[in-house]
Amino acid sequence: MRLGGFALAATLGGCGMAPGTPNPPHPKEVPMSESRSPSGDIHPGEITFDDQTTGKKWTESAADKPETLVWVDVGDSWEAVTLIVITGEPGHRRITKFGKDGEMLETTIQGPPPPAPAPVEDDLPVPSY
């Protein structure tokens, strides 16, 4: 008997697991408990955010954040970000990442997008067909 192009044996037990072995959890069901750098280093666990433009300060798990926020490539090693300080004004902010020993790792400046370029007027004749 075939089901959707697969043999019934494959759907009922031909998956290569020993009888009685529990099914592994679906990848989306596996809780992420740590953040690892591309080289395999483990993050200390949390990142403190200090938004000096609003006066708010909070801490979040590194495991819940994207790799680009949690790790900085410094030379030939990956450094864990443990503090992010946001300064400036609402429309123009500086985001500075610090490592576990307080060393500055990276600074990014965010601002509004540049204005669209003005249309170019030229004196070229438009061909008629």
N, C-alpha and C. Protein backbone atom coordinates (compact mmCIF):
# COMPACT_ATOMS: atom_id res chain seq x y z
N MET A 1 0.84 -1.18 0.00
CA MET A 1 0.00 0.00 0.00
C MET A 1 0.88 1.24 0.00
N ARG A 2 0.52 2.24 -0.79
CA ARG A 2 1.33 3.45 -0.88
C ARG A 2 0.49 4.63 -0.39
N LEU A 3 1.13 5.52 0.34
CA LEU A 3 0.47 6.74 0.82
C LEU A 3 1.24 7.94 0.34
N GLY A 4 0.66 8.73 -0.52
CA GLY A 4 1.31 9.96 -0.97
C GLY A 4 2.68 9.73 -1.55
N GLY A 5 2.90 8.62 -2.22
CA GLY A 5 4.19 8.38 -2.84
C GLY A 5 5.19 7.69 -1.93
N PHE A 6 4.85 7.46 -0.67
CA PHE A 6 5.76 6.80 0.25
C PHE A 6 5.19 5.45 0.64
N ALA A 7 6.02 4.49 0.80
CA ALA A 7 5.55 3.17 1.22
C ALA A 7 5.05 3.25 2.65
N LEU A 8 4.00 2.49 2.95
CA LEU A 8 3.43 2.48 4.29
C LEU A 8 4.47 2.08 5.32
N ALA A 9 5.34 1.17 4.99
CA ALA A 9 6.39 0.74 5.94
C ALA A 9 7.27 1.91 6.33
N ALA A 10 7.54 2.80 5.41
CA ALA A 10 8.40 3.94 5.71
C ALA A 10 7.70 4.89 6.68
N THR A 11 6.37 5.01 6.57
CA THR A 11 5.67 5.93 7.45
C THR A 11 5.42 5.34 8.82
N LEU A 12 5.43 4.00 8.93
CA LEU A 12 5.12 3.38 10.22
C LEU A 12 6.32 2.90 11.00
N GLY A 13 7.47 2.92 10.46
CA GLY A 13 8.57 2.43 11.28
C GLY A 13 9.86 2.29 10.51
N GLY A 14 9.83 2.59 9.27
CA GLY A 14 11.05 2.48 8.50
C GLY A 14 11.90 3.72 8.58
N CYS A 15 11.88 4.44 9.69
CA CYS A 15 12.62 5.69 9.81
C CYS A 15 14.02 5.47 10.38
N GLY A 16 14.40 4.23 10.64
CA GLY A 16 15.75 3.96 11.11
C GLY A 16 15.90 4.05 12.61
N MET A 17 14.81 4.28 13.37
CA MET A 17 14.90 4.37 14.82
C MET A 17 14.55 3.01 15.41
N ALA A 18 15.18 2.65 16.50
CA ALA A 18 14.91 1.38 17.16
C ALA A 18 13.49 1.39 17.72
N PRO A 19 12.80 0.24 17.69
CA PRO A 19 11.45 0.17 18.24
C PRO A 19 11.43 0.63 19.69
N GLY A 20 10.42 1.40 20.05
CA GLY A 20 10.30 1.90 21.43
C GLY A 20 11.04 3.19 21.68
N THR A 21 11.81 3.68 20.69
CA THR A 21 12.54 4.93 20.85
C THR A 21 11.57 6.09 20.68
N PRO A 22 11.50 7.02 21.64
CA PRO A 22 10.57 8.15 21.48
C PRO A 22 11.01 9.04 20.32
N ASN A 23 10.03 9.62 19.67
CA ASN A 23 10.33 10.53 18.57
C ASN A 23 11.06 11.76 19.10
N PRO A 24 12.08 12.23 18.39
CA PRO A 24 12.75 13.46 18.83
C PRO A 24 11.80 14.64 18.65
N PRO A 25 11.96 15.71 19.46
CA PRO A 25 11.07 16.85 19.32
C PRO A 25 11.30 17.55 17.99
N HIS A 26 10.26 18.17 17.51
CA HIS A 26 10.37 18.94 16.28
C HIS A 26 11.35 20.09 16.54
N PRO A 27 12.20 20.47 15.57
CA PRO A 27 13.19 21.54 15.82
C PRO A 27 12.59 22.81 16.40
N LYS A 28 11.38 23.19 16.01
CA LYS A 28 10.78 24.40 16.54
C LYS A 28 10.36 24.24 17.99
N GLU A 29 10.24 23.00 18.47
CA GLU A 29 9.82 22.76 19.84
C GLU A 29 11.00 22.71 20.81
N VAL A 30 12.21 22.65 20.30
CA VAL A 30 13.39 22.58 21.16
C VAL A 30 13.67 23.97 21.70
N PRO A 31 13.61 24.17 23.01
CA PRO A 31 13.86 25.51 23.54
C PRO A 31 15.33 25.89 23.39
N MET A 32 15.57 27.12 22.98
CA MET A 32 16.94 27.60 22.85
C MET A 32 17.34 28.16 24.21
N SER A 33 18.33 27.57 24.83
CA SER A 33 18.71 27.99 26.16
C SER A 33 20.03 28.76 26.18
N GLU A 34 20.67 28.84 25.04
CA GLU A 34 21.94 29.57 24.99
C GLU A 34 22.18 30.09 23.59
N SER A 35 23.02 31.08 23.50
CA SER A 35 23.40 31.63 22.22
C SER A 35 24.86 31.25 21.97
N ARG A 36 25.12 30.75 20.78
CA ARG A 36 26.48 30.37 20.41
C ARG A 36 26.96 31.22 19.26
N SER A 37 28.23 31.58 19.31
CA SER A 37 28.84 32.35 18.22
C SER A 37 29.04 31.43 17.02
N PRO A 38 29.34 32.00 15.85
CA PRO A 38 29.62 31.15 14.70
C PRO A 38 30.78 30.18 14.93
N SER A 39 31.68 30.52 15.86
CA SER A 39 32.80 29.62 16.16
C SER A 39 32.49 28.66 17.30
N GLY A 40 31.27 28.74 17.87
CA GLY A 40 30.86 27.78 18.90
C GLY A 40 30.97 28.26 20.33
N ASP A 41 31.45 29.50 20.56
CA ASP A 41 31.55 30.02 21.93
C ASP A 41 30.15 30.25 22.50
N ILE A 42 30.02 30.09 23.81
CA ILE A 42 28.73 30.27 24.48
C ILE A 42 28.67 31.68 25.08
N HIS A 43 27.56 32.36 24.84
CA HIS A 43 27.33 33.70 25.37
C HIS A 43 27.12 33.62 26.88
N PRO A 44 27.53 34.64 27.65
CA PRO A 44 27.30 34.62 29.09
C PRO A 44 25.81 34.56 29.48
N GLY A 45 24.91 34.92 28.55
CA GLY A 45 23.50 34.70 28.84
C GLY A 45 22.58 35.88 28.62
N GLU A 46 22.94 37.08 29.07
CA GLU A 46 22.02 38.20 28.99
C GLU A 46 22.70 39.43 28.39
N ILE A 47 21.85 40.29 27.82
CA ILE A 47 22.30 41.57 27.30
C ILE A 47 21.50 42.65 28.01
N THR A 48 22.20 43.65 28.56
CA THR A 48 21.54 44.79 29.17
C THR A 48 21.44 45.89 28.13
N PHE A 49 20.25 46.44 27.98
CA PHE A 49 20.01 47.54 27.06
C PHE A 49 19.84 48.80 27.90
N ASP A 50 20.59 49.85 27.57
CA ASP A 50 20.51 51.14 28.26
C ASP A 50 20.18 52.19 27.22
N ASP A 51 18.89 52.50 27.07
CA ASP A 51 18.43 53.48 26.08
C ASP A 51 18.41 54.84 26.76
N GLN A 52 19.47 55.60 26.56
CA GLN A 52 19.58 56.90 27.21
C GLN A 52 18.74 57.96 26.52
N THR A 53 18.17 57.66 25.35
CA THR A 53 17.28 58.61 24.69
C THR A 53 15.90 58.60 25.34
N THR A 54 15.53 57.48 25.97
CA THR A 54 14.22 57.38 26.63
C THR A 54 14.34 57.22 28.14
N GLY A 55 15.55 56.93 28.62
CA GLY A 55 15.75 56.70 30.05
C GLY A 55 15.40 55.28 30.49
N LYS A 56 15.11 54.40 29.55
CA LYS A 56 14.74 53.02 29.89
C LYS A 56 15.97 52.12 29.92
N LYS A 57 15.94 51.15 30.84
CA LYS A 57 17.02 50.17 30.96
C LYS A 57 16.38 48.82 31.23
N TRP A 58 16.80 47.78 30.49
CA TRP A 58 16.21 46.46 30.65
C TRP A 58 17.23 45.41 30.24
N THR A 59 16.93 44.16 30.58
CA THR A 59 17.80 43.02 30.27
C THR A 59 16.99 41.98 29.52
N GLU A 60 17.63 41.38 28.50
CA GLU A 60 16.98 40.32 27.72
C GLU A 60 17.95 39.16 27.53
N SER A 61 17.40 38.00 27.31
CA SER A 61 18.19 36.80 27.07
C SER A 61 18.86 36.89 25.70
N ALA A 62 20.13 36.56 25.65
CA ALA A 62 20.85 36.55 24.38
C ALA A 62 20.30 35.50 23.43
N ALA A 63 19.74 34.43 23.98
CA ALA A 63 19.19 33.36 23.15
C ALA A 63 17.98 33.83 22.34
N ASP A 64 17.34 34.92 22.77
CA ASP A 64 16.16 35.43 22.08
C ASP A 64 16.49 36.47 21.02
N LYS A 65 17.74 36.77 20.84
CA LYS A 65 18.15 37.84 19.93
C LYS A 65 18.92 37.28 18.73
N PRO A 66 18.92 38.01 17.61
CA PRO A 66 19.67 37.54 16.43
C PRO A 66 21.17 37.58 16.67
N GLU A 67 21.86 36.71 15.96
CA GLU A 67 23.31 36.59 16.09
C GLU A 67 24.02 37.93 15.87
N THR A 68 23.52 38.74 14.94
CA THR A 68 24.17 40.02 14.63
C THR A 68 24.09 41.01 15.78
N LEU A 69 23.16 40.82 16.70
CA LEU A 69 23.05 41.68 17.86
C LEU A 69 23.85 41.15 19.04
N VAL A 70 24.01 39.84 19.10
CA VAL A 70 24.61 39.17 20.26
C VAL A 70 26.12 39.00 20.14
N TRP A 71 26.64 38.94 18.92
CA TRP A 71 28.06 38.68 18.69
C TRP A 71 28.66 39.72 17.76
N VAL A 72 29.93 40.08 18.00
CA VAL A 72 30.66 41.00 17.12
C VAL A 72 31.95 40.31 16.70
N ASP A 73 32.21 40.32 15.42
CA ASP A 73 33.44 39.74 14.87
C ASP A 73 34.56 40.77 15.06
N VAL A 74 35.49 40.46 15.95
CA VAL A 74 36.60 41.35 16.25
C VAL A 74 37.89 40.65 15.84
N GLY A 75 38.42 41.07 14.70
CA GLY A 75 39.64 40.45 14.21
C GLY A 75 39.41 39.00 13.87
N ASP A 76 40.03 38.11 14.61
CA ASP A 76 39.89 36.68 14.33
C ASP A 76 39.11 35.94 15.43
N SER A 77 38.30 36.69 16.20
CA SER A 77 37.49 36.05 17.24
C SER A 77 36.11 36.70 17.32
N TRP A 78 35.16 35.99 17.90
CA TRP A 78 33.81 36.49 18.11
C TRP A 78 33.69 36.89 19.58
N GLU A 79 33.24 38.11 19.83
CA GLU A 79 33.08 38.60 21.19
C GLU A 79 31.60 38.72 21.52
N ALA A 80 31.24 38.30 22.72
CA ALA A 80 29.86 38.36 23.18
C ALA A 80 29.50 39.79 23.58
N VAL A 81 28.33 40.25 23.14
CA VAL A 81 27.82 41.56 23.53
C VAL A 81 27.00 41.37 24.81
N THR A 82 27.34 42.15 25.85
CA THR A 82 26.61 42.05 27.11
C THR A 82 25.93 43.36 27.49
N LEU A 83 26.28 44.46 26.80
CA LEU A 83 25.67 45.76 27.08
C LEU A 83 25.51 46.51 25.77
N ILE A 84 24.33 47.07 25.56
CA ILE A 84 24.08 47.92 24.41
C ILE A 84 23.58 49.26 24.93
N VAL A 85 24.31 50.33 24.59
CA VAL A 85 23.96 51.67 25.03
C VAL A 85 23.47 52.46 23.82
N ILE A 86 22.30 53.07 23.97
CA ILE A 86 21.70 53.85 22.89
C ILE A 86 21.70 55.31 23.32
N THR A 87 22.33 56.17 22.52
CA THR A 87 22.39 57.60 22.82
C THR A 87 21.92 58.39 21.60
N GLY A 88 21.81 59.70 21.76
CA GLY A 88 21.43 60.56 20.65
C GLY A 88 20.02 61.08 20.82
N GLU A 89 19.36 61.29 19.68
CA GLU A 89 17.99 61.78 19.64
C GLU A 89 17.13 60.74 18.95
N PRO A 90 15.80 60.83 19.10
CA PRO A 90 14.95 59.81 18.47
C PRO A 90 15.20 59.62 16.97
N GLY A 91 15.46 60.68 16.21
CA GLY A 91 15.68 60.54 14.77
C GLY A 91 17.13 60.27 14.38
N HIS A 92 18.03 60.31 15.35
CA HIS A 92 19.47 60.13 15.07
C HIS A 92 20.08 59.49 16.30
N ARG A 93 20.32 58.18 16.21
CA ARG A 93 20.79 57.44 17.38
C ARG A 93 22.14 56.79 17.14
N ARG A 94 22.88 56.63 18.22
CA ARG A 94 24.15 55.90 18.20
C ARG A 94 23.96 54.67 19.07
N ILE A 95 24.27 53.51 18.52
CA ILE A 95 24.12 52.25 19.24
C ILE A 95 25.52 51.68 19.43
N THR A 96 25.92 51.54 20.68
CA THR A 96 27.26 51.07 21.00
C THR A 96 27.16 49.75 21.74
N LYS A 97 27.92 48.75 21.27
CA LYS A 97 27.92 47.42 21.87
C LYS A 97 29.20 47.25 22.70
N PHE A 98 29.02 46.72 23.90
CA PHE A 98 30.15 46.47 24.80
C PHE A 98 30.23 44.99 25.12
N GLY A 99 31.45 44.50 25.37
CA GLY A 99 31.68 43.11 25.71
C GLY A 99 31.63 42.86 27.20
N LYS A 100 31.87 41.60 27.56
CA LYS A 100 31.73 41.19 28.97
C LYS A 100 32.72 41.86 29.90
N ASP A 101 33.85 42.33 29.39
CA ASP A 101 34.83 43.02 30.24
C ASP A 101 34.70 44.53 30.14
N GLY A 102 33.61 45.02 29.52
CA GLY A 102 33.38 46.45 29.41
C GLY A 102 34.03 47.11 28.21
N GLU A 103 34.71 46.31 27.38
CA GLU A 103 35.37 46.90 26.21
C GLU A 103 34.35 47.21 25.12
N MET A 104 34.54 48.37 24.44
CA MET A 104 33.66 48.72 23.35
C MET A 104 33.99 47.84 22.16
N LEU A 105 32.96 47.23 21.57
CA LEU A 105 33.16 46.32 20.45
C LEU A 105 32.79 46.95 19.11
N GLU A 106 31.73 47.78 19.11
CA GLU A 106 31.23 48.28 17.84
C GLU A 106 30.27 49.44 18.10
N THR A 107 30.26 50.42 17.19
CA THR A 107 29.31 51.53 17.25
C THR A 107 28.64 51.67 15.90
N THR A 108 27.34 51.88 15.94
CA THR A 108 26.56 52.09 14.72
C THR A 108 25.77 53.37 14.89
N ILE A 109 25.71 54.18 13.84
CA ILE A 109 24.91 55.39 13.88
C ILE A 109 23.71 55.20 12.97
N GLN A 110 22.53 55.45 13.53
CA GLN A 110 21.29 55.33 12.77
C GLN A 110 20.68 56.71 12.61
N GLY A 111 20.18 56.96 11.43
CA GLY A 111 19.52 58.23 11.16
C GLY A 111 18.44 58.02 10.13
N PRO A 112 17.70 59.09 9.85
CA PRO A 112 16.67 58.95 8.84
C PRO A 112 17.29 58.73 7.47
N PRO A 113 16.56 58.13 6.56
CA PRO A 113 17.12 57.93 5.23
C PRO A 113 17.35 59.27 4.54
N PRO A 114 18.31 59.30 3.62
CA PRO A 114 18.57 60.56 2.91
C PRO A 114 17.37 60.92 2.03
N PRO A 115 17.21 62.19 1.73
CA PRO A 115 16.09 62.58 0.87
C PRO A 115 16.28 62.02 -0.53
N ALA A 116 15.17 61.82 -1.20
CA ALA A 116 15.22 61.31 -2.57
C ALA A 116 15.91 62.35 -3.46
N PRO A 117 16.68 61.92 -4.44
CA PRO A 117 17.34 62.88 -5.32
C PRO A 117 16.31 63.66 -6.13
N ALA A 118 16.63 64.90 -6.39
CA ALA A 118 15.75 65.73 -7.19
C ALA A 118 15.75 65.23 -8.64
N PRO A 119 14.62 65.36 -9.31
CA PRO A 119 14.60 64.92 -10.70
C PRO A 119 15.57 65.74 -11.55
N VAL A 120 16.18 65.09 -12.48
CA VAL A 120 17.17 65.74 -13.35
C VAL A 120 16.44 66.27 -14.58
N GLU A 121 16.58 67.55 -14.80
CA GLU A 121 16.01 68.14 -16.01
C GLU A 121 17.13 68.29 -17.02
N ASP A 122 16.87 67.85 -18.20
CA ASP A 122 17.88 67.99 -19.24
C ASP A 122 17.25 68.60 -20.48
N ASP A 123 18.09 69.02 -21.34
CA ASP A 123 17.63 69.66 -22.57
C ASP A 123 17.70 68.70 -23.75
N LEU A 124 17.77 67.44 -23.51
CA LEU A 124 17.85 66.49 -24.60
C LEU A 124 16.50 66.36 -25.28
N PRO A 125 16.50 66.37 -26.57
CA PRO A 125 15.23 66.22 -27.28
C PRO A 125 14.67 64.82 -27.11
N VAL A 126 13.37 64.72 -27.07
CA VAL A 126 12.71 63.43 -26.96
C VAL A 126 12.45 62.96 -28.39
N PRO A 127 12.95 61.76 -28.71
CA PRO A 127 12.74 61.29 -30.08
C PRO A 127 11.27 61.02 -30.35
N SER A 128 10.85 61.34 -31.56
CA SER A 128 9.48 61.03 -31.96
C SER A 128 9.53 59.89 -32.95
N TYR A 129 8.59 59.03 -32.88
CA TYR A 129 8.58 57.85 -33.73
C TYR A 129 7.50 57.91 -34.75
